[in-house]
Amino acid sequence: MLTQLTMERLRRKSFEISQTLDNTESSWSQTAYTYILYYLLGKQNRNAAKRLAKAVSYNILMRENSALYKIEALLLGGAGLLEIYNDGVVAKLQQEFQHLRAKYNIIPLEAEAWQLSGIRLNNHPVLRLAQLAACIHENHLAMQNFIECHNNNDVRQLFSCRVSDYWVDILSRYSNESSIANKIGSTMSNILAINAIVPLMYAYSTYVDSQTIHDKSMDLLRKLSVEDNTYTRQWHYVKPIATSAFDSQALIQLSTEYCKRRLCHECPLAKRLLHRKGRISK
């Protein structure tokens, strides 16, 4: 039953990915970049993340990937977030962005598009985009890199690039928080793997008709850590069920697609329970 639910969830995500792919002229690189941005920036900023992916495409980033500061200028300038700081380093990035903006006809977002208040600094869009810039500069984060991920460690290695001390320092000036991560942590890399990398691999395996890539996506999901969220806690309060992300994705599917929508008559768990009850009564 868990396998059935997980596959349902992956098929739905694969359909969404195919729609994004259609809107990117069948560019898997742009699609992958869009999904990484979408989940890296968090629930409060997903709409802004989608807009940024369109404003500053992956193709533009690759053209300017010879220097990290250019990627930082493109992502943070395109996001409209350079405007909220005022010092010499930011001024140079702003100047570089104005040059790149004219070169590629970029229409940046406004800073107001982002939810900045009430967010812990380790999830702040400025820090996340600086971290992503470092990862793109060093690893490119292309589909081929994702396909080569076999376990947790491979995923963490992809996202282990360190941002410069400058970004940690400038964010610290505006907060009392003492610990700011200079790279994407294991929890976020696990989230990115479960919600972006595995679904992308699964969708790509269908696109290129590769059983090998399909099996890799399933194997990776089974090796990723169990998710800890509202939905999984509700199930584990009764009894620990999930032993990997493969199982926790099934529980989330069960909660969101059946319990939350009150589709008890279609729920695979309800059907099994009723069937069992019927056998006992007989």
C-alpha atoms as a PDB file:
ATOM      1  CA  MET A   1       0.000   0.000   0.000  1.00  0.00           C
ATOM      2  CA  LEU A   2       2.849   2.399   0.845  1.00  0.00           C
ATOM      3  CA  THR A   3       4.445   1.701  -2.524  1.00  0.00           C
ATOM      4  CA  GLN A   4       1.145   2.408  -4.286  1.00  0.00           C
ATOM      5  CA  LEU A   5       0.779   5.748  -2.466  1.00  0.00           C
ATOM      6  CA  THR A   6       4.359   6.828  -3.128  1.00  0.00           C
ATOM      7  CA  MET A   7       4.007   6.041  -6.826  1.00  0.00           C
ATOM      8  CA  GLU A   8       0.770   8.050  -6.928  1.00  0.00           C
ATOM      9  CA  ARG A   9       2.618  11.019  -5.480  1.00  0.00           C
ATOM     10  CA  LEU A  10       5.539  10.683  -7.883  1.00  0.00           C
ATOM     11  CA  ARG A  11       3.228  10.433 -10.887  1.00  0.00           C
ATOM     12  CA  ARG A  12       1.458  13.631  -9.836  1.00  0.00           C
ATOM     13  CA  LYS A  13       4.767  15.450  -9.384  1.00  0.00           C
ATOM     14  CA  SER A  14       5.991  14.065 -12.696  1.00  0.00           C
ATOM     15  CA  PHE A  15       2.931  15.515 -14.435  1.00  0.00           C
ATOM     16  CA  GLU A  16       3.641  18.935 -12.879  1.00  0.00           C
ATOM     17  CA  ILE A  17       7.278  18.697 -13.988  1.00  0.00           C
ATOM     18  CA  SER A  18       6.198  17.871 -17.553  1.00  0.00           C
ATOM     19  CA  GLN A  19       4.048  21.022 -17.564  1.00  0.00           C
ATOM     20  CA  THR A  20       7.016  23.102 -16.409  1.00  0.00           C
ATOM     21  CA  LEU A  21       9.156  21.427 -19.059  1.00  0.00           C
ATOM     22  CA  ASP A  22       6.657  22.455 -21.746  1.00  0.00           C
ATOM     23  CA  ASN A  23       6.901  26.056 -20.550  1.00  0.00           C
ATOM     24  CA  THR A  24      10.714  26.002 -20.747  1.00  0.00           C
ATOM     25  CA  GLU A  25      10.936  24.784 -24.348  1.00  0.00           C
ATOM     26  CA  SER A  26      11.876  21.267 -23.161  1.00  0.00           C
ATOM     27  CA  SER A  27      14.899  22.471 -21.197  1.00  0.00           C
ATOM     28  CA  TRP A  28      15.626  20.026 -18.395  1.00  0.00           C
ATOM     29  CA  SER A  29      18.321  22.329 -17.015  1.00  0.00           C
ATOM     30  CA  GLN A  30      15.861  25.214 -16.661  1.00  0.00           C
ATOM     31  CA  THR A  31      13.218  22.896 -15.209  1.00  0.00           C
ATOM     32  CA  ALA A  32      15.625  21.480 -12.625  1.00  0.00           C
ATOM     33  CA  TYR A  33      16.811  24.975 -11.684  1.00  0.00           C
ATOM     34  CA  THR A  34      13.193  26.102 -11.285  1.00  0.00           C
ATOM     35  CA  TYR A  35      12.368  23.265  -8.898  1.00  0.00           C
ATOM     36  CA  ILE A  36      15.512  23.752  -6.810  1.00  0.00           C
ATOM     37  CA  LEU A  37      14.666  27.446  -6.428  1.00  0.00           C
ATOM     38  CA  TYR A  38      11.048  26.615  -5.628  1.00  0.00           C
ATOM     39  CA  TYR A  39      11.876  24.347  -2.694  1.00  0.00           C
ATOM     40  CA  LEU A  40      15.046  26.107  -1.508  1.00  0.00           C
ATOM     41  CA  LEU A  41      13.261  29.432  -0.922  1.00  0.00           C
ATOM     42  CA  GLY A  42      10.514  27.891   1.245  1.00  0.00           C
ATOM     43  CA  LYS A  43       6.733  27.941   1.222  1.00  0.00           C
ATOM     44  CA  GLN A  44       6.405  31.673   1.920  1.00  0.00           C
ATOM     45  CA  ASN A  45       8.469  32.597  -1.143  1.00  0.00           C
ATOM     46  CA  ARG A  46       7.545  30.011  -3.755  1.00  0.00           C
ATOM     47  CA  ASN A  47       5.705  32.438  -6.025  1.00  0.00           C
ATOM     48  CA  ALA A  48       8.665  34.815  -5.958  1.00  0.00           C
ATOM     49  CA  ALA A  49      11.029  31.890  -6.614  1.00  0.00           C
ATOM     50  CA  LYS A  50       9.065  30.941  -9.746  1.00  0.00           C
ATOM     51  CA  ARG A  51       9.223  34.514 -10.983  1.00  0.00           C
ATOM     52  CA  LEU A  52      12.966  34.683 -10.356  1.00  0.00           C
ATOM     53  CA  ALA A  53      13.547  31.463 -12.320  1.00  0.00           C
ATOM     54  CA  LYS A  54      11.855  33.107 -15.317  1.00  0.00           C
ATOM     55  CA  ALA A  55      13.557  36.493 -14.887  1.00  0.00           C
ATOM     56  CA  VAL A  56      17.065  35.028 -14.557  1.00  0.00           C
ATOM     57  CA  SER A  57      17.212  31.799 -16.525  1.00  0.00           C
ATOM     58  CA  TYR A  58      19.646  28.952 -16.012  1.00  0.00           C
ATOM     59  CA  ASN A  59      21.044  29.621 -19.471  1.00  0.00           C
ATOM     60  CA  ILE A  60      21.993  33.180 -18.459  1.00  0.00           C
ATOM     61  CA  LEU A  61      23.654  31.913 -15.284  1.00  0.00           C
ATOM     62  CA  MET A  62      25.737  29.430 -17.265  1.00  0.00           C
ATOM     63  CA  ARG A  63      26.866  32.134 -19.688  1.00  0.00           C
ATOM     64  CA  GLU A  64      28.214  34.177 -16.777  1.00  0.00           C
ATOM     65  CA  ASN A  65      29.462  31.330 -14.605  1.00  0.00           C
ATOM     66  CA  SER A  66      33.140  32.245 -14.950  1.00  0.00           C
ATOM     67  CA  ALA A  67      32.975  34.221 -11.700  1.00  0.00           C
ATOM     68  CA  LEU A  68      30.942  33.717  -8.531  1.00  0.00           C
ATOM     69  CA  TYR A  69      30.210  37.425  -8.083  1.00  0.00           C
ATOM     70  CA  LYS A  70      28.412  37.456 -11.439  1.00  0.00           C
ATOM     71  CA  ILE A  71      26.094  34.642 -10.337  1.00  0.00           C
ATOM     72  CA  GLU A  72      25.481  36.445  -7.037  1.00  0.00           C
ATOM     73  CA  ALA A  73      24.736  39.670  -8.909  1.00  0.00           C
ATOM     74  CA  LEU A  74      22.301  37.915 -11.242  1.00  0.00           C
ATOM     75  CA  LEU A  75      20.387  35.997  -8.558  1.00  0.00           C
ATOM     76  CA  LEU A  76      20.291  38.673  -5.864  1.00  0.00           C
ATOM     77  CA  GLY A  77      19.920  41.549  -8.315  1.00  0.00           C
ATOM     78  CA  GLY A  78      17.251  39.707 -10.283  1.00  0.00           C
ATOM     79  CA  ALA A  79      15.446  39.032  -7.008  1.00  0.00           C
ATOM     80  CA  GLY A  80      15.527  42.745  -6.162  1.00  0.00           C
ATOM     81  CA  LEU A  81      17.243  41.949  -2.868  1.00  0.00           C
ATOM     82  CA  LEU A  82      20.453  43.924  -3.356  1.00  0.00           C
ATOM     83  CA  GLU A  83      18.419  47.047  -2.690  1.00  0.00           C
ATOM     84  CA  ILE A  84      17.921  46.229   0.989  1.00  0.00           C
ATOM     85  CA  TYR A  85      21.622  46.551   1.848  1.00  0.00           C
ATOM     86  CA  ASN A  86      24.001  49.450   1.491  1.00  0.00           C
ATOM     87  CA  ASP A  87      27.761  48.948   1.539  1.00  0.00           C
ATOM     88  CA  GLY A  88      30.714  48.759  -0.821  1.00  0.00           C
ATOM     89  CA  VAL A  89      30.398  45.081  -1.717  1.00  0.00           C
ATOM     90  CA  VAL A  90      26.692  45.365  -2.508  1.00  0.00           C
ATOM     91  CA  ALA A  91      27.351  48.527  -4.529  1.00  0.00           C
ATOM     92  CA  LYS A  92      29.770  46.583  -6.759  1.00  0.00           C
ATOM     93  CA  LEU A  93      27.241  43.776  -7.183  1.00  0.00           C
ATOM     94  CA  GLN A  94      24.549  46.311  -8.040  1.00  0.00           C
ATOM     95  CA  GLN A  95      26.833  47.843 -10.656  1.00  0.00           C
ATOM     96  CA  GLU A  96      27.543  44.407 -12.151  1.00  0.00           C
ATOM     97  CA  PHE A  97      23.845  43.562 -12.172  1.00  0.00           C
ATOM     98  CA  GLN A  98      22.970  46.756 -14.034  1.00  0.00           C
ATOM     99  CA  HIS A  99      25.441  45.742 -16.734  1.00  0.00           C
ATOM    100  CA  LEU A 100      24.049  42.177 -16.932  1.00  0.00           C
ATOM    101  CA  ARG A 101      20.477  43.433 -16.735  1.00  0.00           C
ATOM    102  CA  ALA A 102      20.994  45.513 -19.862  1.00  0.00           C
ATOM    103  CA  LYS A 103      22.915  42.722 -21.584  1.00  0.00           C
ATOM    104  CA  TYR A 104      20.133  40.139 -21.110  1.00  0.00           C
ATOM    105  CA  ASN A 105      17.122  42.449 -20.869  1.00  0.00           C
ATOM    106  CA  ILE A 106      16.314  41.208 -17.350  1.00  0.00           C
ATOM    107  CA  ILE A 107      13.258  42.593 -15.579  1.00  0.00           C
ATOM    108  CA  PRO A 108      14.047  42.161 -11.851  1.00  0.00           C
ATOM    109  CA  LEU A 109      11.555  41.460  -9.100  1.00  0.00           C
ATOM    110  CA  GLU A 110      10.813  44.089  -6.496  1.00  0.00           C
ATOM    111  CA  ALA A 111      12.095  43.463  -2.952  1.00  0.00           C
ATOM    112  CA  GLU A 112       8.479  43.555  -1.741  1.00  0.00           C
ATOM    113  CA  ALA A 113       7.804  40.333  -3.657  1.00  0.00           C
ATOM    114  CA  TRP A 114       9.665  38.429  -0.938  1.00  0.00           C
ATOM    115  CA  GLN A 115       8.470  37.457   2.523  1.00  0.00           C
ATOM    116  CA  LEU A 116      11.365  38.530   4.723  1.00  0.00           C
ATOM    117  CA  SER A 117       9.816  39.068   8.137  1.00  0.00           C
ATOM    118  CA  GLY A 118       9.242  36.180  10.505  1.00  0.00           C
ATOM    119  CA  ILE A 119      11.796  33.987   8.722  1.00  0.00           C
ATOM    120  CA  ARG A 120      14.845  32.564  10.500  1.00  0.00           C
ATOM    121  CA  LEU A 121      18.086  33.859   9.045  1.00  0.00           C
ATOM    122  CA  ASN A 122      19.165  30.395   7.938  1.00  0.00           C
ATOM    123  CA  ASN A 123      16.136  30.413   5.628  1.00  0.00           C
ATOM    124  CA  HIS A 124      16.486  34.062   4.571  1.00  0.00           C
ATOM    125  CA  PRO A 125      16.172  34.476   0.775  1.00  0.00           C
ATOM    126  CA  VAL A 126      19.428  36.459   0.611  1.00  0.00           C
ATOM    127  CA  LEU A 127      21.383  33.658   2.304  1.00  0.00           C
ATOM    128  CA  ARG A 128      19.642  30.933   0.295  1.00  0.00           C
ATOM    129  CA  LEU A 129      20.352  32.687  -3.007  1.00  0.00           C
ATOM    130  CA  ALA A 130      23.984  33.270  -2.033  1.00  0.00           C
ATOM    131  CA  GLN A 131      24.260  29.557  -1.186  1.00  0.00           C
ATOM    132  CA  LEU A 132      22.646  28.596  -4.480  1.00  0.00           C
ATOM    133  CA  ALA A 133      25.004  30.909  -6.362  1.00  0.00           C
ATOM    134  CA  ALA A 134      27.984  29.077  -4.846  1.00  0.00           C
ATOM    135  CA  CYS A 135      26.513  25.668  -5.754  1.00  0.00           C
ATOM    136  CA  ILE A 136      25.746  26.706  -9.328  1.00  0.00           C
ATOM    137  CA  HIS A 137      29.232  28.174  -9.728  1.00  0.00           C
ATOM    138  CA  GLU A 138      30.957  25.030  -8.448  1.00  0.00           C
ATOM    139  CA  ASN A 139      28.619  22.166  -9.399  1.00  0.00           C
ATOM    140  CA  HIS A 140      26.220  23.588 -12.021  1.00  0.00           C
ATOM    141  CA  LEU A 141      23.372  21.536 -10.461  1.00  0.00           C
ATOM    142  CA  ALA A 142      22.383  20.082 -13.828  1.00  0.00           C
ATOM    143  CA  MET A 143      20.210  16.996 -14.404  1.00  0.00           C
ATOM    144  CA  GLN A 144      23.276  14.836 -15.011  1.00  0.00           C
ATOM    145  CA  ASN A 145      24.570  15.710 -11.532  1.00  0.00           C
ATOM    146  CA  PHE A 146      21.247  14.677 -10.025  1.00  0.00           C
ATOM    147  CA  ILE A 147      21.202  11.363 -11.883  1.00  0.00           C
ATOM    148  CA  GLU A 148      24.602  10.533 -10.376  1.00  0.00           C
ATOM    149  CA  CYS A 149      23.269  10.848  -6.802  1.00  0.00           C
ATOM    150  CA  HIS A 150      23.053   7.442  -5.127  1.00  0.00           C
ATOM    151  CA  ASN A 151      22.586   8.362  -1.459  1.00  0.00           C
ATOM    152  CA  ASN A 152      22.359  11.123   1.157  1.00  0.00           C
ATOM    153  CA  ASN A 153      26.058  11.878   0.989  1.00  0.00           C
ATOM    154  CA  ASP A 154      25.993  12.443  -2.776  1.00  0.00           C
ATOM    155  CA  VAL A 155      23.143  14.941  -2.393  1.00  0.00           C
ATOM    156  CA  ARG A 156      24.862  16.763   0.457  1.00  0.00           C
ATOM    157  CA  GLN A 157      28.042  16.981  -1.596  1.00  0.00           C
ATOM    158  CA  LEU A 158      26.109  18.736  -4.377  1.00  0.00           C
ATOM    159  CA  PHE A 159      24.890  21.376  -1.939  1.00  0.00           C
ATOM    160  CA  SER A 160      27.978  21.640   0.269  1.00  0.00           C
ATOM    161  CA  CYS A 161      29.415  24.777  -1.367  1.00  0.00           C
ATOM    162  CA  ARG A 162      30.257  27.515   1.131  1.00  0.00           C
ATOM    163  CA  VAL A 163      29.176  31.121   0.717  1.00  0.00           C
ATOM    164  CA  SER A 164      31.656  33.874   1.447  1.00  0.00           C
ATOM    165  CA  ASP A 165      31.922  35.131   5.029  1.00  0.00           C
ATOM    166  CA  TYR A 166      30.550  38.432   3.767  1.00  0.00           C
ATOM    167  CA  TRP A 167      26.962  37.106   3.496  1.00  0.00           C
ATOM    168  CA  VAL A 168      27.097  35.569   6.955  1.00  0.00           C
ATOM    169  CA  ASP A 169      28.456  38.835   8.355  1.00  0.00           C
ATOM    170  CA  ILE A 170      25.973  41.170   6.662  1.00  0.00           C
ATOM    171  CA  LEU A 171      22.983  39.094   7.771  1.00  0.00           C
ATOM    172  CA  SER A 172      24.341  38.925  11.315  1.00  0.00           C
ATOM    173  CA  ARG A 173      24.327  42.721  11.518  1.00  0.00           C
ATOM    174  CA  TYR A 174      20.550  42.760  11.288  1.00  0.00           C
ATOM    175  CA  SER A 175      19.796  39.970  13.746  1.00  0.00           C
ATOM    176  CA  ASN A 176      20.484  38.621  17.208  1.00  0.00           C
ATOM    177  CA  GLU A 177      20.807  35.085  15.860  1.00  0.00           C
ATOM    178  CA  SER A 178      24.293  33.813  16.624  1.00  0.00           C
ATOM    179  CA  SER A 179      24.538  30.850  14.261  1.00  0.00           C
ATOM    180  CA  ILE A 180      24.168  31.394  10.525  1.00  0.00           C
ATOM    181  CA  ALA A 181      25.014  28.537   8.151  1.00  0.00           C
ATOM    182  CA  ASN A 182      27.517  29.247   5.403  1.00  0.00           C
ATOM    183  CA  LYS A 183      26.205  26.336   3.338  1.00  0.00           C
ATOM    184  CA  ILE A 184      22.993  24.443   2.734  1.00  0.00           C
ATOM    185  CA  GLY A 185      22.475  22.054   5.639  1.00  0.00           C
ATOM    186  CA  SER A 186      21.600  18.365   5.696  1.00  0.00           C
ATOM    187  CA  THR A 187      17.902  18.987   6.463  1.00  0.00           C
ATOM    188  CA  MET A 188      17.429  21.279   3.465  1.00  0.00           C
ATOM    189  CA  SER A 189      19.474  19.030   1.164  1.00  0.00           C
ATOM    190  CA  ASN A 190      17.174  16.170   2.192  1.00  0.00           C
ATOM    191  CA  ILE A 191      14.125  18.321   1.388  1.00  0.00           C
ATOM    192  CA  LEU A 192      15.583  19.217  -2.007  1.00  0.00           C
ATOM    193  CA  ALA A 193      16.386  15.580  -2.741  1.00  0.00           C
ATOM    194  CA  ILE A 194      12.897  14.331  -1.830  1.00  0.00           C
ATOM    195  CA  ASN A 195      10.856  17.104  -3.443  1.00  0.00           C
ATOM    196  CA  ALA A 196      13.018  18.101  -6.408  1.00  0.00           C
ATOM    197  CA  ILE A 197      15.818  15.681  -7.297  1.00  0.00           C
ATOM    198  CA  VAL A 198      13.911  12.378  -7.019  1.00  0.00           C
ATOM    199  CA  PRO A 199      10.773  13.646  -8.856  1.00  0.00           C
ATOM    200  CA  LEU A 200      12.987  15.169 -11.563  1.00  0.00           C
ATOM    201  CA  MET A 201      14.832  11.874 -11.980  1.00  0.00           C
ATOM    202  CA  TYR A 202      11.547   9.970 -12.090  1.00  0.00           C
ATOM    203  CA  ALA A 203      10.062  12.330 -14.689  1.00  0.00           C
ATOM    204  CA  TYR A 204      13.265  12.302 -16.727  1.00  0.00           C
ATOM    205  CA  SER A 205      13.340   8.480 -16.722  1.00  0.00           C
ATOM    206  CA  THR A 206       9.894   8.486 -18.347  1.00  0.00           C
ATOM    207  CA  TYR A 207      10.925  11.208 -20.803  1.00  0.00           C
ATOM    208  CA  VAL A 208      13.979   9.253 -22.036  1.00  0.00           C
ATOM    209  CA  ASP A 209      12.401   5.836 -21.383  1.00  0.00           C
ATOM    210  CA  SER A 210      15.171   4.677 -19.049  1.00  0.00           C
ATOM    211  CA  GLN A 211      14.464   1.915 -16.547  1.00  0.00           C
ATOM    212  CA  THR A 212      17.947   2.461 -15.099  1.00  0.00           C
ATOM    213  CA  ILE A 213      17.227   6.089 -14.133  1.00  0.00           C
ATOM    214  CA  HIS A 214      13.776   5.070 -12.862  1.00  0.00           C
ATOM    215  CA  ASP A 215      15.358   2.470 -10.574  1.00  0.00           C
ATOM    216  CA  LYS A 216      17.949   5.004  -9.413  1.00  0.00           C
ATOM    217  CA  SER A 217      15.223   7.435  -8.399  1.00  0.00           C
ATOM    218  CA  MET A 218      13.433   4.741  -6.375  1.00  0.00           C
ATOM    219  CA  ASP A 219      16.662   3.605  -4.748  1.00  0.00           C
ATOM    220  CA  LEU A 220      17.624   7.153  -3.791  1.00  0.00           C
ATOM    221  CA  LEU A 221      14.217   7.840  -2.239  1.00  0.00           C
ATOM    222  CA  ARG A 222      14.573   4.693  -0.115  1.00  0.00           C
ATOM    223  CA  LYS A 223      17.959   5.905   1.131  1.00  0.00           C
ATOM    224  CA  LEU A 224      16.811   9.400   2.104  1.00  0.00           C
ATOM    225  CA  SER A 225      15.863  10.230   5.689  1.00  0.00           C
ATOM    226  CA  VAL A 226      12.263  10.124   6.887  1.00  0.00           C
ATOM    227  CA  GLU A 227      10.520  13.502   6.740  1.00  0.00           C
ATOM    228  CA  ASP A 228       9.439  15.126   9.976  1.00  0.00           C
ATOM    229  CA  ASN A 229       6.372  17.298   9.461  1.00  0.00           C
ATOM    230  CA  THR A 230       2.771  17.694  10.579  1.00  0.00           C
ATOM    231  CA  TYR A 231       1.530  14.820   8.452  1.00  0.00           C
ATOM    232  CA  THR A 232       4.171  12.241   9.390  1.00  0.00           C
ATOM    233  CA  ARG A 233       3.979  13.138  13.101  1.00  0.00           C
ATOM    234  CA  GLN A 234       0.244  12.409  13.124  1.00  0.00           C
ATOM    235  CA  TRP A 235       0.869   8.875  11.853  1.00  0.00           C
ATOM    236  CA  HIS A 236       3.915   8.245  14.011  1.00  0.00           C
ATOM    237  CA  TYR A 237       2.019   9.375  17.098  1.00  0.00           C
ATOM    238  CA  VAL A 238      -0.069   6.222  16.676  1.00  0.00           C
ATOM    239  CA  LYS A 239       2.805   4.008  15.587  1.00  0.00           C
ATOM    240  CA  PRO A 240       6.178   4.592  13.852  1.00  0.00           C
ATOM    241  CA  ILE A 241       5.619   3.465  10.281  1.00  0.00           C
ATOM    242  CA  ALA A 242       8.076   5.169   7.950  1.00  0.00           C
ATOM    243  CA  THR A 243      11.680   4.014   7.823  1.00  0.00           C
ATOM    244  CA  SER A 244      12.718   6.135   4.835  1.00  0.00           C
ATOM    245  CA  ALA A 245      11.539   9.037   2.680  1.00  0.00           C
ATOM    246  CA  PHE A 246       9.906   6.467   0.395  1.00  0.00           C
ATOM    247  CA  ASP A 247       7.516   5.624   3.246  1.00  0.00           C
ATOM    248  CA  SER A 248       7.026   9.173   4.522  1.00  0.00           C
ATOM    249  CA  GLN A 249       6.058  10.321   1.029  1.00  0.00           C
ATOM    250  CA  ALA A 250       3.360   7.646   1.093  1.00  0.00           C
ATOM    251  CA  LEU A 251       2.038   8.918   4.431  1.00  0.00           C
ATOM    252  CA  ILE A 252       1.968  12.493   3.118  1.00  0.00           C
ATOM    253  CA  GLN A 253       0.085  11.322   0.035  1.00  0.00           C
ATOM    254  CA  LEU A 254      -2.408   9.496   2.235  1.00  0.00           C
ATOM    255  CA  SER A 255      -2.933  12.573   4.435  1.00  0.00           C
ATOM    256  CA  THR A 256      -3.153  15.230   1.734  1.00  0.00           C
ATOM    257  CA  GLU A 257      -4.955  13.391  -1.044  1.00  0.00           C
ATOM    258  CA  TYR A 258      -7.358  11.231   0.964  1.00  0.00           C
ATOM    259  CA  CYS A 259      -7.726  12.262   4.632  1.00  0.00           C
ATOM    260  CA  LYS A 260      -7.624  16.011   4.058  1.00  0.00           C
ATOM    261  CA  ARG A 261     -10.041  15.789   1.143  1.00  0.00           C
ATOM    262  CA  ARG A 262     -12.254  13.298   3.002  1.00  0.00           C
ATOM    263  CA  LEU A 263     -12.042  10.758   0.183  1.00  0.00           C
ATOM    264  CA  CYS A 264     -12.492   7.853   2.583  1.00  0.00           C
ATOM    265  CA  HIS A 265     -14.424   5.843  -0.033  1.00  0.00           C
ATOM    266  CA  GLU A 266     -11.322   5.920  -2.291  1.00  0.00           C
ATOM    267  CA  CYS A 267      -8.688   5.610   0.431  1.00  0.00           C
ATOM    268  CA  PRO A 268      -6.554   2.449   0.076  1.00  0.00           C
ATOM    269  CA  LEU A 269      -6.128   2.216   3.849  1.00  0.00           C
ATOM    270  CA  ALA A 270      -9.863   2.500   4.501  1.00  0.00           C
ATOM    271  CA  LYS A 271     -10.557  -0.171   1.889  1.00  0.00           C
ATOM    272  CA  ARG A 272      -8.108  -2.550   3.548  1.00  0.00           C
ATOM    273  CA  LEU A 273      -9.527  -1.921   7.003  1.00  0.00           C
ATOM    274  CA  LEU A 274     -13.107  -2.440   5.827  1.00  0.00           C
ATOM    275  CA  HIS A 275     -12.122  -5.556   3.922  1.00  0.00           C
ATOM    276  CA  ARG A 276     -10.398  -6.916   7.024  1.00  0.00           C
ATOM    277  CA  LYS A 277     -13.408  -6.062   9.180  1.00  0.00           C
ATOM    278  CA  GLY A 278     -15.666  -7.844   6.702  1.00  0.00           C
ATOM    279  CA  ARG A 279     -13.560 -10.989   6.856  1.00  0.00           C
ATOM    280  CA  ILE A 280     -13.541 -10.947  10.662  1.00  0.00           C
ATOM    281  CA  SER A 281     -17.334 -10.525  10.879  1.00  0.00           C
ATOM    282  CA  LYS A 282     -17.805 -13.459   8.529  1.00  0.00           C
END
